[in-house]
Amino acid sequence: MRFLLRLFSVFFLAAAVVAGTADTIQSFAADAPVMTPGLTVVEFVAPKAFEKAEAYVGGLPDGSQLQDMVLRLFGQPAFALFLGLALIFWILGYKRKKPAGRFTA
């Protein structure tokens, strides 16, 4: 299980680096800061999953706190969203070292 969590962490870290690199290149080309929203990336990578999530969030009552939270979360820059996910998966897959070493009972 920890292996999968660490694997997901590495995947999201790589996605954050790619998204950050793409934003940096676009920022230099435009002479202005460009940050791609996470919603745009999710829509481009997995359109069917995006449609299902959009239908679920759209089915929530207007003004719902969950709907607002999801929209704010995916409105953040993609690199920040992926860095946050990488951190969460890394924390979940982290194995603490024994305080007294490997020879403890």
Protein backbone atom coordinates (compact mmCIF):
# COMPACT_ATOMS: atom_id res chain seq x y z
CA MET A 1 0.00 0.00 0.00
CA ARG A 2 2.80 2.41 0.87
CA PHE A 3 4.42 1.69 -2.46
CA LEU A 4 1.27 2.80 -4.31
CA LEU A 5 0.98 5.95 -2.22
CA ARG A 6 4.61 6.82 -2.93
CA LEU A 7 4.11 6.03 -6.61
CA PHE A 8 1.13 8.41 -6.75
CA SER A 9 3.24 11.01 -4.97
CA VAL A 10 5.97 10.73 -7.60
CA PHE A 11 3.38 10.88 -10.38
CA PHE A 12 1.82 14.08 -9.02
CA LEU A 13 5.25 15.60 -8.40
CA ALA A 14 6.20 14.95 -12.04
CA ALA A 15 2.89 16.45 -13.18
CA ALA A 16 3.59 19.54 -11.04
CA VAL A 17 7.02 19.96 -12.59
CA VAL A 18 5.59 19.64 -16.11
CA ALA A 19 2.77 22.10 -15.36
CA GLY A 20 5.18 24.56 -13.77
CA THR A 21 7.57 24.31 -16.70
CA ALA A 22 4.76 24.88 -19.21
CA ASP A 23 3.53 27.91 -17.24
CA THR A 24 7.07 29.30 -17.07
CA ILE A 25 7.56 28.98 -20.80
CA GLN A 26 4.21 30.64 -21.50
CA SER A 27 5.00 33.42 -19.03
CA PHE A 28 8.29 34.23 -20.74
CA ALA A 29 6.62 34.19 -24.15
CA ALA A 30 3.80 36.49 -23.04
CA ASP A 31 5.94 38.80 -20.87
CA ALA A 32 3.32 38.38 -18.15
CA PRO A 33 2.64 35.75 -15.50
CA VAL A 34 0.58 32.87 -16.87
CA MET A 35 -0.84 30.21 -14.56
CA THR A 36 -2.99 27.43 -15.95
CA PRO A 37 -5.93 26.57 -13.64
CA GLY A 38 -6.14 22.99 -12.41
CA LEU A 39 -9.64 22.66 -13.89
CA THR A 40 -8.27 23.22 -17.39
CA VAL A 41 -5.66 20.50 -16.97
CA VAL A 42 -8.17 17.98 -15.60
CA GLU A 43 -10.57 18.77 -18.45
CA PHE A 44 -7.80 18.26 -21.02
CA VAL A 45 -6.33 15.06 -19.53
CA ALA A 46 -9.52 13.20 -18.57
CA PRO A 47 -12.62 14.67 -20.25
CA LYS A 48 -14.97 11.84 -19.21
CA ALA A 49 -13.91 12.04 -15.57
CA PHE A 50 -14.33 15.80 -15.78
CA GLU A 51 -17.87 15.40 -17.12
CA LYS A 52 -18.80 12.98 -14.31
CA ALA A 53 -17.33 15.28 -11.66
CA GLU A 54 -19.07 18.28 -13.22
CA ALA A 55 -22.40 16.44 -13.16
CA TYR A 56 -21.87 15.53 -9.50
CA VAL A 57 -20.89 19.04 -8.44
CA GLY A 58 -23.66 20.54 -10.60
CA GLY A 59 -26.18 18.30 -8.82
CA LEU A 60 -25.34 19.85 -5.47
CA PRO A 61 -27.54 22.69 -4.29
CA ASP A 62 -26.39 26.16 -5.35
CA GLY A 63 -24.31 27.85 -2.70
CA SER A 64 -23.33 24.53 -1.16
CA GLN A 65 -20.07 24.69 0.78
CA LEU A 66 -18.80 21.54 -0.95
CA GLN A 67 -19.49 23.05 -4.37
CA ASP A 68 -17.65 26.24 -3.42
CA MET A 69 -14.72 24.27 -2.02
CA VAL A 70 -14.33 22.14 -5.16
CA LEU A 71 -14.52 25.17 -7.46
CA ARG A 72 -11.94 27.07 -5.39
CA LEU A 73 -9.64 24.05 -5.22
CA PHE A 74 -9.64 23.47 -8.97
CA GLY A 75 -9.37 27.19 -9.66
CA GLN A 76 -5.86 27.18 -8.21
CA PRO A 77 -2.83 26.94 -10.51
CA ALA A 78 -2.24 23.39 -11.74
CA PHE A 79 1.32 23.19 -10.44
CA ALA A 80 0.18 24.14 -6.92
CA LEU A 81 -2.69 21.65 -7.03
CA PHE A 82 -0.38 18.83 -8.11
CA LEU A 83 2.27 19.79 -5.54
CA GLY A 84 -0.38 19.65 -2.83
CA LEU A 85 -1.55 16.22 -3.97
CA ALA A 86 2.06 14.98 -4.11
CA LEU A 87 2.61 16.17 -0.55
CA ILE A 88 -0.57 14.51 0.71
CA PHE A 89 0.30 11.17 -0.90
CA TRP A 90 3.89 11.39 0.36
CA ILE A 91 2.66 12.01 3.92
CA LEU A 92 0.27 9.06 3.69
CA GLY A 93 3.02 6.76 2.40
CA TYR A 94 5.73 7.93 4.80
CA LYS A 95 7.32 5.30 7.03
CA ARG A 96 8.70 6.66 10.28
CA LYS A 97 12.12 5.57 11.39
CA LYS A 98 12.35 3.82 14.76
CA PRO A 99 13.70 6.24 17.34
CA ALA A 100 16.13 3.74 18.90
CA GLY A 101 17.42 2.23 15.68
CA ARG A 102 16.84 -1.06 13.98
CA PHE A 103 17.87 -3.24 16.94
CA THR A 104 14.90 -2.38 19.13
CA ALA A 105 12.30 -4.96 20.03
